[in-house]
Amino acid sequence: MREKQMRKITAFWKQERRYLLGGIVLGMILFLCWGFISERIRQETVHTLSSKVVRFHVLANSNSQEDQALKLKVRDRILDYLAQQMQDVSSKEETIAFLTEHQQEICLLAQEEILEEGYQYSVHTSLAWEDFPEKTYGDYTFPAGFYDALRIEIGEAAGENWWCVLYPQMCLTDMVYEEDTTDALLQEVLTPREYALVTEDKPQEKPQITFALKEWLAS
């Protein structure tokens, strides 16, 4: 009798384990599917966001202290010019059109600044479809991806570079507006999902999920 009861208890627990294992496997499948869908939505959001943005990229001749300081001088000269000339620019299309029309003038201003600082470096300016890493500007983080950009290369362009967002006019707000309007500019241009992407908190490390099914089934 006791042996028969033990067999029933053993069979019961085996059945329960099958149900529990099935539930765990189903949960894993749903978790993976949700992760795939979430990443797909995120990538689509990154793509639509990047299509609305124009970046500004300045590459220094080298990483020497002098060349890095020169890079910032050139940056300031160009930003001052753009702040004065782009106050009525209100869309990405207008931004690209302005930069295309005034690209030579921007190049000449950069060259003039370099000569005034006592250097003989050449300058190359271009409007490029450029691959950017993830970059944080204060409270806003723009994801890695391809963006339209005004690119200024000084000399060998082998040094650390500087970049900002030219449209919406994040790198011109302090020069054009009396108060910080960055948030309003972003919300005006981006969808709620895109805005959430650039303002979301970044976790310090990704959570790790481990399963010990093998050990549990062997018990």
N, C-alpha and C. Protein backbone atom coordinates (compact mmCIF):
# COMPACT_ATOMS: atom_id res chain seq x y z
N MET A 1 0.84 -1.20 0.00
CA MET A 1 0.00 0.00 0.00
C MET A 1 0.87 1.26 0.00
N ARG A 2 1.88 1.27 0.86
CA ARG A 2 2.76 2.43 0.95
C ARG A 2 3.50 2.66 -0.36
N GLU A 3 3.91 1.57 -0.98
CA GLU A 3 4.62 1.67 -2.25
C GLU A 3 3.71 2.23 -3.33
N LYS A 4 2.44 1.85 -3.31
CA LYS A 4 1.48 2.33 -4.28
C LYS A 4 1.24 3.83 -4.12
N GLN A 5 1.14 4.28 -2.87
CA GLN A 5 0.96 5.70 -2.59
C GLN A 5 2.17 6.52 -3.05
N MET A 6 3.35 5.98 -2.84
CA MET A 6 4.56 6.67 -3.26
C MET A 6 4.61 6.82 -4.78
N ARG A 7 4.14 5.77 -5.49
CA ARG A 7 4.12 5.85 -6.95
C ARG A 7 3.15 6.93 -7.42
N LYS A 8 2.00 7.04 -6.73
CA LYS A 8 1.01 8.07 -7.07
C LYS A 8 1.58 9.47 -6.82
N ILE A 9 2.26 9.63 -5.68
CA ILE A 9 2.86 10.95 -5.36
C ILE A 9 3.93 11.31 -6.38
N THR A 10 4.76 10.31 -6.75
CA THR A 10 5.80 10.55 -7.74
C THR A 10 5.20 10.93 -9.08
N ALA A 11 4.15 10.22 -9.50
CA ALA A 11 3.49 10.52 -10.78
C ALA A 11 2.88 11.92 -10.75
N PHE A 12 2.30 12.28 -9.58
CA PHE A 12 1.68 13.60 -9.45
C PHE A 12 2.72 14.70 -9.64
N TRP A 13 3.87 14.55 -8.97
CA TRP A 13 4.90 15.58 -9.06
C TRP A 13 5.52 15.65 -10.45
N LYS A 14 5.62 14.49 -11.13
CA LYS A 14 6.11 14.51 -12.51
C LYS A 14 5.16 15.29 -13.41
N GLN A 15 3.85 15.08 -13.20
CA GLN A 15 2.86 15.80 -13.98
C GLN A 15 2.93 17.29 -13.71
N GLU A 16 3.07 17.66 -12.42
CA GLU A 16 3.16 19.07 -12.05
C GLU A 16 4.40 19.71 -12.67
N ARG A 17 5.48 18.96 -12.71
CA ARG A 17 6.70 19.48 -13.30
C ARG A 17 6.52 19.74 -14.79
N ARG A 18 5.78 18.84 -15.45
CA ARG A 18 5.51 19.05 -16.88
C ARG A 18 4.73 20.35 -17.09
N TYR A 19 3.69 20.56 -16.27
CA TYR A 19 2.92 21.79 -16.38
C TYR A 19 3.78 23.03 -16.11
N LEU A 20 4.61 22.93 -15.06
CA LEU A 20 5.46 24.06 -14.69
C LEU A 20 6.49 24.32 -15.78
N LEU A 21 7.08 23.25 -16.30
CA LEU A 21 8.05 23.40 -17.37
C LEU A 21 7.40 24.03 -18.60
N GLY A 22 6.19 23.57 -18.94
CA GLY A 22 5.48 24.14 -20.07
C GLY A 22 5.21 25.62 -19.88
N GLY A 23 4.83 26.01 -18.65
CA GLY A 23 4.59 27.41 -18.35
C GLY A 23 5.84 28.25 -18.48
N ILE A 24 6.97 27.69 -18.01
CA ILE A 24 8.23 28.41 -18.09
C ILE A 24 8.66 28.58 -19.55
N VAL A 25 8.54 27.52 -20.34
CA VAL A 25 8.91 27.58 -21.76
C VAL A 25 8.04 28.60 -22.49
N LEU A 26 6.73 28.58 -22.21
CA LEU A 26 5.82 29.54 -22.83
C LEU A 26 6.20 30.97 -22.44
N GLY A 27 6.53 31.15 -21.15
CA GLY A 27 6.94 32.48 -20.69
C GLY A 27 8.20 32.95 -21.39
N MET A 28 9.16 32.03 -21.59
CA MET A 28 10.39 32.37 -22.28
C MET A 28 10.10 32.79 -23.72
N ILE A 29 9.20 32.06 -24.40
CA ILE A 29 8.86 32.37 -25.78
C ILE A 29 8.22 33.76 -25.87
N LEU A 30 7.27 34.02 -24.95
CA LEU A 30 6.61 35.33 -24.95
C LEU A 30 7.60 36.45 -24.65
N PHE A 31 8.53 36.18 -23.71
CA PHE A 31 9.56 37.18 -23.37
C PHE A 31 10.43 37.50 -24.57
N LEU A 32 10.86 36.46 -25.30
CA LEU A 32 11.71 36.67 -26.47
C LEU A 32 10.95 37.39 -27.58
N CYS A 33 9.68 37.02 -27.76
CA CYS A 33 8.87 37.68 -28.79
C CYS A 33 8.68 39.16 -28.46
N TRP A 34 8.40 39.45 -27.20
CA TRP A 34 8.22 40.84 -26.80
C TRP A 34 9.51 41.64 -26.97
N GLY A 35 10.65 40.99 -26.63
CA GLY A 35 11.93 41.66 -26.80
C GLY A 35 12.20 41.96 -28.27
N PHE A 36 11.86 41.01 -29.15
CA PHE A 36 12.06 41.21 -30.58
C PHE A 36 11.18 42.34 -31.09
N ILE A 37 9.90 42.34 -30.69
CA ILE A 37 8.97 43.38 -31.14
C ILE A 37 9.40 44.75 -30.62
N SER A 38 9.82 44.80 -29.34
CA SER A 38 10.24 46.08 -28.75
C SER A 38 11.46 46.64 -29.47
N GLU A 39 12.42 45.77 -29.80
CA GLU A 39 13.63 46.22 -30.50
C GLU A 39 13.30 46.66 -31.92
N ARG A 40 12.35 45.97 -32.56
CA ARG A 40 11.94 46.36 -33.91
C ARG A 40 11.29 47.75 -33.89
N ILE A 41 10.43 47.98 -32.91
CA ILE A 41 9.78 49.29 -32.77
C ILE A 41 10.83 50.36 -32.51
N ARG A 42 11.81 50.04 -31.64
CA ARG A 42 12.85 51.01 -31.31
C ARG A 42 13.67 51.37 -32.55
N GLN A 43 14.05 50.36 -33.35
CA GLN A 43 14.85 50.62 -34.54
C GLN A 43 14.08 51.46 -35.55
N GLU A 44 12.78 51.20 -35.69
CA GLU A 44 11.96 52.01 -36.59
C GLU A 44 11.89 53.45 -36.09
N THR A 45 11.80 53.62 -34.76
CA THR A 45 11.76 54.97 -34.18
C THR A 45 13.08 55.69 -34.41
N VAL A 46 14.20 54.98 -34.25
CA VAL A 46 15.52 55.57 -34.51
C VAL A 46 15.60 56.04 -35.96
N HIS A 47 15.09 55.22 -36.87
CA HIS A 47 15.15 55.56 -38.29
C HIS A 47 14.34 56.82 -38.60
N THR A 48 13.11 56.88 -38.08
CA THR A 48 12.28 58.06 -38.36
C THR A 48 12.84 59.30 -37.68
N LEU A 49 13.42 59.12 -36.47
CA LEU A 49 14.02 60.25 -35.77
C LEU A 49 15.20 60.81 -36.56
N SER A 50 16.08 59.92 -37.00
CA SER A 50 17.28 60.38 -37.72
C SER A 50 16.92 61.10 -39.01
N SER A 51 15.77 60.75 -39.60
CA SER A 51 15.37 61.39 -40.85
C SER A 51 14.90 62.82 -40.64
N LYS A 52 14.68 63.23 -39.37
CA LYS A 52 14.19 64.57 -39.07
C LYS A 52 15.28 65.50 -38.54
N VAL A 53 16.50 64.99 -38.39
CA VAL A 53 17.55 65.71 -37.67
C VAL A 53 18.72 66.04 -38.60
N VAL A 54 19.33 67.20 -38.37
CA VAL A 54 20.59 67.56 -39.04
C VAL A 54 21.64 67.79 -37.97
N ARG A 55 22.77 67.11 -38.09
CA ARG A 55 23.85 67.24 -37.11
C ARG A 55 24.94 68.19 -37.64
N PHE A 56 25.80 68.63 -36.73
CA PHE A 56 26.94 69.48 -37.07
C PHE A 56 28.18 68.80 -36.53
N HIS A 57 29.18 68.60 -37.40
CA HIS A 57 30.34 67.77 -37.06
C HIS A 57 31.61 68.51 -37.46
N VAL A 58 32.48 68.77 -36.47
CA VAL A 58 33.76 69.44 -36.73
C VAL A 58 34.88 68.50 -36.31
N LEU A 59 35.80 68.22 -37.24
CA LEU A 59 36.91 67.31 -36.99
C LEU A 59 38.22 68.09 -36.93
N ALA A 60 38.93 67.94 -35.82
CA ALA A 60 40.21 68.64 -35.63
C ALA A 60 41.32 68.00 -36.44
N ASN A 61 42.37 68.77 -36.70
CA ASN A 61 43.52 68.25 -37.42
C ASN A 61 44.18 67.10 -36.66
N SER A 62 44.32 67.26 -35.34
CA SER A 62 44.94 66.22 -34.52
C SER A 62 44.43 66.36 -33.09
N ASN A 63 44.97 65.56 -32.21
CA ASN A 63 44.57 65.64 -30.80
C ASN A 63 45.50 66.51 -29.97
N SER A 64 46.37 67.25 -30.60
CA SER A 64 47.22 68.17 -29.84
C SER A 64 46.36 69.24 -29.19
N GLN A 65 46.84 69.79 -28.11
CA GLN A 65 46.08 70.82 -27.40
C GLN A 65 45.78 72.01 -28.31
N GLU A 66 46.75 72.38 -29.14
CA GLU A 66 46.58 73.52 -30.03
C GLU A 66 45.51 73.24 -31.09
N ASP A 67 45.55 72.05 -31.67
CA ASP A 67 44.58 71.71 -32.72
C ASP A 67 43.17 71.56 -32.15
N GLN A 68 43.08 71.04 -30.94
CA GLN A 68 41.76 70.92 -30.33
C GLN A 68 41.18 72.30 -30.00
N ALA A 69 42.04 73.21 -29.55
CA ALA A 69 41.59 74.58 -29.27
C ALA A 69 41.16 75.27 -30.57
N LEU A 70 41.88 75.02 -31.65
CA LEU A 70 41.54 75.60 -32.95
C LEU A 70 40.18 75.07 -33.42
N LYS A 71 39.94 73.80 -33.22
CA LYS A 71 38.65 73.20 -33.59
C LYS A 71 37.50 73.96 -32.94
N LEU A 72 37.64 74.30 -31.67
CA LEU A 72 36.58 75.02 -30.95
C LEU A 72 36.44 76.45 -31.45
N LYS A 73 37.55 77.05 -31.86
CA LYS A 73 37.49 78.40 -32.44
C LYS A 73 36.69 78.38 -33.74
N VAL A 74 36.98 77.40 -34.57
CA VAL A 74 36.25 77.25 -35.83
C VAL A 74 34.77 76.98 -35.55
N ARG A 75 34.51 76.09 -34.61
CA ARG A 75 33.13 75.80 -34.22
C ARG A 75 32.38 77.07 -33.84
N ASP A 76 32.99 77.87 -32.97
CA ASP A 76 32.31 79.08 -32.49
C ASP A 76 32.08 80.07 -33.62
N ARG A 77 33.04 80.16 -34.53
CA ARG A 77 32.90 81.10 -35.65
C ARG A 77 31.71 80.69 -36.53
N ILE A 78 31.60 79.41 -36.80
CA ILE A 78 30.52 78.93 -37.67
C ILE A 78 29.17 79.00 -36.96
N LEU A 79 29.14 78.64 -35.69
CA LEU A 79 27.87 78.70 -34.95
C LEU A 79 27.37 80.13 -34.83
N ASP A 80 28.29 81.07 -34.66
CA ASP A 80 27.89 82.47 -34.58
C ASP A 80 27.27 82.92 -35.91
N TYR A 81 27.87 82.51 -37.00
CA TYR A 81 27.34 82.83 -38.32
C TYR A 81 25.96 82.19 -38.53
N LEU A 82 25.84 80.91 -38.19
CA LEU A 82 24.57 80.20 -38.39
C LEU A 82 23.47 80.78 -37.51
N ALA A 83 23.81 81.17 -36.29
CA ALA A 83 22.82 81.75 -35.39
C ALA A 83 22.25 83.05 -35.95
N GLN A 84 23.09 83.82 -36.63
CA GLN A 84 22.63 85.07 -37.21
C GLN A 84 21.81 84.85 -38.48
N GLN A 85 22.20 83.84 -39.26
CA GLN A 85 21.61 83.66 -40.58
C GLN A 85 20.42 82.70 -40.61
N MET A 86 20.27 81.85 -39.59
CA MET A 86 19.26 80.80 -39.65
C MET A 86 18.07 81.04 -38.72
N GLN A 87 17.88 82.25 -38.27
CA GLN A 87 16.79 82.51 -37.33
C GLN A 87 15.41 82.24 -37.93
N ASP A 88 15.29 82.40 -39.24
CA ASP A 88 14.00 82.18 -39.89
C ASP A 88 13.87 80.79 -40.50
N VAL A 89 14.88 79.96 -40.30
CA VAL A 89 14.83 78.59 -40.82
C VAL A 89 14.00 77.74 -39.86
N SER A 90 12.95 77.10 -40.36
CA SER A 90 12.01 76.44 -39.46
C SER A 90 11.71 74.99 -39.82
N SER A 91 12.50 74.38 -40.69
CA SER A 91 12.27 72.97 -41.03
C SER A 91 13.59 72.33 -41.45
N LYS A 92 13.60 71.02 -41.49
CA LYS A 92 14.81 70.33 -41.93
C LYS A 92 15.11 70.66 -43.38
N GLU A 93 14.07 70.71 -44.22
CA GLU A 93 14.26 71.00 -45.63
C GLU A 93 14.88 72.38 -45.83
N GLU A 94 14.41 73.35 -45.06
CA GLU A 94 14.99 74.69 -45.15
C GLU A 94 16.43 74.72 -44.64
N THR A 95 16.69 73.92 -43.61
CA THR A 95 18.06 73.84 -43.07
C THR A 95 19.02 73.29 -44.12
N ILE A 96 18.64 72.17 -44.75
CA ILE A 96 19.49 71.58 -45.79
C ILE A 96 19.67 72.55 -46.95
N ALA A 97 18.59 73.23 -47.34
CA ALA A 97 18.68 74.19 -48.45
C ALA A 97 19.63 75.33 -48.11
N PHE A 98 19.53 75.84 -46.87
CA PHE A 98 20.42 76.94 -46.46
C PHE A 98 21.87 76.48 -46.47
N LEU A 99 22.15 75.33 -45.89
CA LEU A 99 23.52 74.84 -45.81
C LEU A 99 24.09 74.56 -47.19
N THR A 100 23.26 74.06 -48.08
CA THR A 100 23.70 73.79 -49.45
C THR A 100 24.07 75.10 -50.15
N GLU A 101 23.21 76.10 -50.01
CA GLU A 101 23.43 77.39 -50.67
C GLU A 101 24.64 78.12 -50.11
N HIS A 102 24.89 77.97 -48.79
CA HIS A 102 25.95 78.75 -48.14
C HIS A 102 27.16 77.90 -47.76
N GLN A 103 27.28 76.73 -48.33
CA GLN A 103 28.38 75.82 -47.97
C GLN A 103 29.74 76.45 -48.25
N GLN A 104 29.87 77.11 -49.39
CA GLN A 104 31.17 77.75 -49.73
C GLN A 104 31.48 78.87 -48.74
N GLU A 105 30.48 79.64 -48.39
CA GLU A 105 30.70 80.73 -47.44
C GLU A 105 31.12 80.19 -46.07
N ILE A 106 30.51 79.11 -45.65
CA ILE A 106 30.87 78.48 -44.38
C ILE A 106 32.32 78.01 -44.42
N CYS A 107 32.71 77.42 -45.54
CA CYS A 107 34.09 76.96 -45.70
C CYS A 107 35.08 78.13 -45.63
N LEU A 108 34.75 79.24 -46.28
CA LEU A 108 35.62 80.41 -46.27
C LEU A 108 35.74 81.01 -44.86
N LEU A 109 34.64 81.01 -44.12
CA LEU A 109 34.69 81.52 -42.74
C LEU A 109 35.59 80.65 -41.86
N ALA A 110 35.47 79.33 -42.04
CA ALA A 110 36.33 78.41 -41.28
C ALA A 110 37.80 78.63 -41.64
N GLN A 111 38.07 78.80 -42.95
CA GLN A 111 39.45 79.02 -43.39
C GLN A 111 39.98 80.34 -42.85
N GLU A 112 39.14 81.35 -42.84
CA GLU A 112 39.54 82.66 -42.32
C GLU A 112 39.90 82.58 -40.85
N GLU A 113 39.12 81.85 -40.08
CA GLU A 113 39.40 81.69 -38.65
C GLU A 113 40.72 80.97 -38.43
N ILE A 114 40.99 79.97 -39.23
CA ILE A 114 42.23 79.21 -39.10
C ILE A 114 43.44 80.09 -39.41
N LEU A 115 43.33 80.87 -40.46
CA LEU A 115 44.44 81.77 -40.82
C LEU A 115 44.66 82.84 -39.76
N GLU A 116 43.56 83.37 -39.21
CA GLU A 116 43.68 84.39 -38.16
C GLU A 116 44.36 83.83 -36.91
N GLU A 117 44.21 82.53 -36.69
CA GLU A 117 44.84 81.89 -35.53
C GLU A 117 46.28 81.48 -35.82
N GLY A 118 46.75 81.74 -37.04
CA GLY A 118 48.15 81.48 -37.37
C GLY A 118 48.44 80.11 -37.93
N TYR A 119 47.44 79.41 -38.44
CA TYR A 119 47.63 78.07 -39.00
C TYR A 119 47.40 78.09 -40.50
N GLN A 120 47.97 77.09 -41.18
CA GLN A 120 47.85 76.99 -42.63
C GLN A 120 47.06 75.76 -43.06
N TYR A 121 46.27 75.20 -42.16
CA TYR A 121 45.52 73.99 -42.48
C TYR A 121 44.47 74.26 -43.57
N SER A 122 44.26 73.28 -44.39
CA SER A 122 43.17 73.35 -45.36
C SER A 122 41.85 73.03 -44.64
N VAL A 123 40.74 73.36 -45.27
CA VAL A 123 39.42 73.08 -44.72
C VAL A 123 38.54 72.45 -45.80
N HIS A 124 37.81 71.44 -45.42
CA HIS A 124 36.86 70.83 -46.35
C HIS A 124 35.50 70.78 -45.67
N THR A 125 34.47 71.32 -46.32
CA THR A 125 33.11 71.26 -45.79
C THR A 125 32.25 70.42 -46.73
N SER A 126 31.30 69.71 -46.14
CA SER A 126 30.41 68.88 -46.96
C SER A 126 29.10 68.65 -46.22
N LEU A 127 28.09 68.33 -46.99
CA LEU A 127 26.83 67.85 -46.43
C LEU A 127 26.83 66.34 -46.63
N ALA A 128 26.87 65.61 -45.53
CA ALA A 128 27.09 64.17 -45.61
C ALA A 128 25.97 63.39 -44.94
N TRP A 129 25.77 62.17 -45.39
CA TRP A 129 24.90 61.20 -44.73
C TRP A 129 25.84 60.35 -43.89
N GLU A 130 25.93 60.67 -42.59
CA GLU A 130 27.05 60.21 -41.78
C GLU A 130 26.60 59.33 -40.63
N ASP A 131 27.42 58.33 -40.32
CA ASP A 131 27.14 57.40 -39.22
C ASP A 131 27.64 58.00 -37.92
N PHE A 132 26.73 58.27 -36.98
CA PHE A 132 27.08 58.86 -35.69
C PHE A 132 26.93 57.83 -34.57
N PRO A 133 27.80 57.87 -33.57
CA PRO A 133 27.59 57.04 -32.37
C PRO A 133 26.51 57.67 -31.50
N GLU A 134 26.07 56.93 -30.49
CA GLU A 134 25.13 57.52 -29.53
C GLU A 134 25.82 58.71 -28.85
N LYS A 135 25.08 59.80 -28.72
CA LYS A 135 25.67 61.01 -28.15
C LYS A 135 24.67 61.70 -27.24
N THR A 136 25.15 62.11 -26.05
CA THR A 136 24.29 62.78 -25.07
C THR A 136 24.61 64.27 -25.04
N TYR A 137 23.55 65.07 -25.11
CA TYR A 137 23.66 66.53 -24.98
C TYR A 137 22.82 66.94 -23.77
N GLY A 138 23.45 67.09 -22.63
CA GLY A 138 22.70 67.45 -21.43
C GLY A 138 21.72 66.35 -21.05
N ASP A 139 20.43 66.65 -21.12
CA ASP A 139 19.40 65.69 -20.75
C ASP A 139 18.90 64.86 -21.93
N TYR A 140 19.51 65.04 -23.09
CA TYR A 140 19.00 64.39 -24.30
C TYR A 140 20.07 63.48 -24.90
N THR A 141 19.66 62.28 -25.27
CA THR A 141 20.57 61.32 -25.87
C THR A 141 20.05 60.90 -27.24
N PHE A 142 20.83 61.19 -28.27
CA PHE A 142 20.45 60.80 -29.62
C PHE A 142 21.09 59.45 -29.94
N PRO A 143 20.28 58.51 -30.41
CA PRO A 143 20.81 57.16 -30.65
C PRO A 143 21.78 57.11 -31.80
N ALA A 144 22.60 56.07 -31.81
CA ALA A 144 23.52 55.86 -32.92
C ALA A 144 22.71 55.63 -34.20
N GLY A 145 23.28 56.08 -35.32
CA GLY A 145 22.61 55.89 -36.59
C GLY A 145 23.12 56.87 -37.63
N PHE A 146 22.53 56.82 -38.81
CA PHE A 146 22.93 57.70 -39.89
C PHE A 146 22.07 58.96 -39.87
N TYR A 147 22.75 60.11 -39.99
CA TYR A 147 22.08 61.41 -39.97
C TYR A 147 22.67 62.29 -41.07
N ASP A 148 21.84 63.21 -41.60
CA ASP A 148 22.37 64.28 -42.43
C ASP A 148 23.21 65.18 -41.55
N ALA A 149 24.33 65.66 -42.06
CA ALA A 149 25.22 66.47 -41.22
C ALA A 149 26.02 67.47 -42.05
N LEU A 150 26.23 68.65 -41.46
CA LEU A 150 27.23 69.59 -41.96
C LEU A 150 28.57 69.16 -41.35
N ARG A 151 29.50 68.80 -42.21
CA ARG A 151 30.78 68.25 -41.76
C ARG A 151 31.91 69.20 -42.15
N ILE A 152 32.71 69.58 -41.15
CA ILE A 152 33.87 70.44 -41.40
C ILE A 152 35.13 69.70 -40.98
N GLU A 153 36.03 69.49 -41.94
CA GLU A 153 37.27 68.77 -41.68
C GLU A 153 38.44 69.76 -41.74
N ILE A 154 39.17 69.83 -40.66
CA ILE A 154 40.32 70.74 -40.56
C ILE A 154 41.60 69.95 -40.77
N GLY A 155 42.40 70.36 -41.75
CA GLY A 155 43.68 69.69 -42.00
C GLY A 155 43.51 68.21 -42.26
N GLU A 156 44.21 67.39 -41.48
CA GLU A 156 44.15 65.93 -41.63
C GLU A 156 42.87 65.33 -41.07
N ALA A 157 42.13 66.11 -40.30
CA ALA A 157 40.87 65.64 -39.70
C ALA A 157 41.07 64.33 -38.93
N ALA A 158 42.22 64.23 -38.24
CA ALA A 158 42.56 62.99 -37.53
C ALA A 158 42.37 63.09 -36.02
N GLY A 159 41.90 64.25 -35.54
CA GLY A 159 41.75 64.44 -34.09
C GLY A 159 40.33 64.18 -33.61
N GLU A 160 40.16 64.29 -32.31
CA GLU A 160 38.83 64.11 -31.73
C GLU A 160 37.88 65.16 -32.30
N ASN A 161 36.63 64.73 -32.51
CA ASN A 161 35.70 65.63 -33.17
C ASN A 161 34.66 66.18 -32.20
N TRP A 162 33.94 67.16 -32.67
CA TRP A 162 32.88 67.81 -31.88
C TRP A 162 31.62 67.80 -32.71
N TRP A 163 30.48 67.56 -32.04
CA TRP A 163 29.22 67.55 -32.79
C TRP A 163 28.08 68.07 -31.94
N CYS A 164 27.05 68.50 -32.62
CA CYS A 164 25.81 68.91 -31.95
C CYS A 164 24.66 68.73 -32.93
N VAL A 165 23.47 69.12 -32.51
CA VAL A 165 22.28 69.01 -33.36
C VAL A 165 21.97 70.39 -33.92
N LEU A 166 22.04 70.51 -35.23
CA LEU A 166 21.81 71.79 -35.90
C LEU A 166 20.33 72.01 -36.22
N TYR A 167 19.63 70.91 -36.46
CA TYR A 167 18.17 71.00 -36.58
C TYR A 167 17.56 69.75 -35.95
N PRO A 168 16.59 69.92 -35.01
CA PRO A 168 16.17 71.18 -34.38
C PRO A 168 17.37 71.94 -33.80
N GLN A 169 17.26 73.24 -33.68
CA GLN A 169 18.44 74.10 -33.44
C GLN A 169 18.95 74.04 -32.00
N MET A 170 19.32 72.84 -31.56
CA MET A 170 19.79 72.67 -30.18
C MET A 170 21.10 73.40 -29.93
N CYS A 171 22.01 73.41 -30.90
CA CYS A 171 23.30 74.05 -30.66
C CYS A 171 23.26 75.54 -30.92
N LEU A 172 22.09 76.07 -31.27
CA LEU A 172 21.96 77.51 -31.47
C LEU A 172 21.04 78.17 -30.47
N THR A 173 20.44 77.40 -29.56
CA THR A 173 19.42 77.96 -28.67
C THR A 173 19.96 79.08 -27.80
N ASP A 174 21.15 78.90 -27.24
CA ASP A 174 21.72 79.94 -26.37
C ASP A 174 22.04 81.22 -27.13
N MET A 175 22.27 81.10 -28.44
CA MET A 175 22.68 82.24 -29.23
C MET A 175 21.48 82.96 -29.87
N VAL A 176 20.38 82.22 -30.06
CA VAL A 176 19.23 82.77 -30.77
C VAL A 176 18.10 83.17 -29.82
N TYR A 177 17.88 82.36 -28.78
CA TYR A 177 16.75 82.58 -27.89
C TYR A 177 17.20 83.13 -26.54
N GLU A 178 16.30 83.84 -25.88
CA GLU A 178 16.62 84.44 -24.59
C GLU A 178 16.61 83.42 -23.46
N GLU A 179 15.94 82.31 -23.65
CA GLU A 179 15.91 81.27 -22.63
C GLU A 179 16.00 79.91 -23.31
N ASP A 180 16.24 78.87 -22.53
CA ASP A 180 16.41 77.54 -23.09
C ASP A 180 15.08 77.04 -23.66
N THR A 181 15.05 76.83 -24.96
CA THR A 181 13.83 76.36 -25.62
C THR A 181 14.04 74.98 -26.25
N THR A 182 15.11 74.30 -25.85
CA THR A 182 15.45 73.02 -26.46
C THR A 182 14.30 72.04 -26.39
N ASP A 183 13.68 71.92 -25.21
CA ASP A 183 12.62 70.95 -25.04
C ASP A 183 11.45 71.25 -25.97
N ALA A 184 11.08 72.51 -26.06
CA ALA A 184 9.97 72.89 -26.92
C ALA A 184 10.30 72.62 -28.39
N LEU A 185 11.55 72.88 -28.79
CA LEU A 185 11.95 72.63 -30.17
C LEU A 185 11.86 71.15 -30.51
N LEU A 186 12.32 70.32 -29.60
CA LEU A 186 12.29 68.88 -29.84
C LEU A 186 10.86 68.36 -29.92
N GLN A 187 10.00 68.80 -29.00
CA GLN A 187 8.63 68.32 -28.99
C GLN A 187 7.86 68.80 -30.21
N GLU A 188 8.26 69.92 -30.76
CA GLU A 188 7.60 70.45 -31.95
C GLU A 188 7.94 69.62 -33.19
N VAL A 189 9.17 69.08 -33.23
CA VAL A 189 9.65 68.36 -34.41
C VAL A 189 9.42 66.86 -34.30
N LEU A 190 9.61 66.29 -33.11
CA LEU A 190 9.57 64.85 -32.93
C LEU A 190 8.19 64.36 -32.52
N THR A 191 7.89 63.11 -32.85
CA THR A 191 6.68 62.47 -32.35
C THR A 191 6.88 62.14 -30.87
N PRO A 192 5.80 61.86 -30.14
CA PRO A 192 5.95 61.49 -28.72
C PRO A 192 6.89 60.30 -28.52
N ARG A 193 6.84 59.33 -29.41
CA ARG A 193 7.71 58.15 -29.27
C ARG A 193 9.17 58.52 -29.51
N GLU A 194 9.42 59.37 -30.51
CA GLU A 194 10.79 59.82 -30.79
C GLU A 194 11.32 60.69 -29.65
N TYR A 195 10.46 61.55 -29.13
CA TYR A 195 10.86 62.40 -28.01
C TYR A 195 11.20 61.54 -26.78
N ALA A 196 10.38 60.51 -26.54
CA ALA A 196 10.64 59.62 -25.41
C ALA A 196 11.98 58.90 -25.58
N LEU A 197 12.32 58.58 -26.83
CA LEU A 197 13.59 57.88 -27.08
C LEU A 197 14.79 58.73 -26.71
N VAL A 198 14.76 60.04 -27.01
CA VAL A 198 15.92 60.89 -26.72
C VAL A 198 15.93 61.37 -25.27
N THR A 199 14.84 61.18 -24.54
CA THR A 199 14.80 61.64 -23.14
C THR A 199 14.76 60.48 -22.15
N GLU A 200 14.71 59.25 -22.63
CA GLU A 200 14.60 58.11 -21.72
C GLU A 200 15.86 57.96 -20.89
N ASP A 201 15.69 57.47 -19.65
CA ASP A 201 16.84 57.20 -18.79
C ASP A 201 17.55 55.96 -19.29
N LYS A 202 18.85 56.01 -19.33
CA LYS A 202 19.65 54.87 -19.77
C LYS A 202 20.05 54.03 -18.56
N PRO A 203 19.72 52.73 -18.53
CA PRO A 203 20.12 51.89 -17.41
C PRO A 203 21.62 51.74 -17.36
N GLN A 204 22.13 51.62 -16.14
CA GLN A 204 23.58 51.48 -15.97
C GLN A 204 24.09 50.18 -16.56
N GLU A 205 23.31 49.13 -16.46
CA GLU A 205 23.70 47.87 -17.05
C GLU A 205 22.46 47.09 -17.40
N LYS A 206 22.55 46.25 -18.42
CA LYS A 206 21.40 45.48 -18.83
C LYS A 206 21.14 44.35 -17.84
N PRO A 207 19.86 44.09 -17.48
CA PRO A 207 19.57 43.00 -16.57
C PRO A 207 19.87 41.67 -17.22
N GLN A 208 20.35 40.73 -16.44
CA GLN A 208 20.67 39.41 -16.95
C GLN A 208 19.70 38.40 -16.35
N ILE A 209 19.16 37.53 -17.20
CA ILE A 209 18.20 36.52 -16.76
C ILE A 209 18.86 35.16 -16.93
N THR A 210 18.91 34.38 -15.88
CA THR A 210 19.50 33.05 -15.94
C THR A 210 18.46 32.03 -15.54
N PHE A 211 18.54 30.85 -16.11
CA PHE A 211 17.61 29.78 -15.83
C PHE A 211 18.39 28.56 -15.35
N ALA A 212 17.83 27.87 -14.36
CA ALA A 212 18.49 26.68 -13.79
C ALA A 212 17.58 25.48 -13.97
N LEU A 213 16.96 25.37 -15.14
CA LEU A 213 16.02 24.28 -15.38
C LEU A 213 16.70 22.92 -15.32
N LYS A 214 17.91 22.88 -15.83
CA LYS A 214 18.60 21.59 -15.87
C LYS A 214 18.81 21.04 -14.47
N GLU A 215 19.29 21.92 -13.57
CA GLU A 215 19.51 21.49 -12.19
C GLU A 215 18.19 21.16 -11.50
N TRP A 216 17.14 21.95 -11.80
CA TRP A 216 15.85 21.73 -11.14
C TRP A 216 15.23 20.41 -11.59
N LEU A 217 15.33 20.10 -12.90
CA LEU A 217 14.75 18.86 -13.42
C LEU A 217 15.51 17.64 -12.91
N ALA A 218 16.81 17.85 -12.60
CA ALA A 218 17.60 16.72 -12.15
C ALA A 218 17.38 16.43 -10.67
N SER A 219 16.70 17.34 -9.96
CA SER A 219 16.51 17.16 -8.52
C SER A 219 15.45 16.11 -8.22
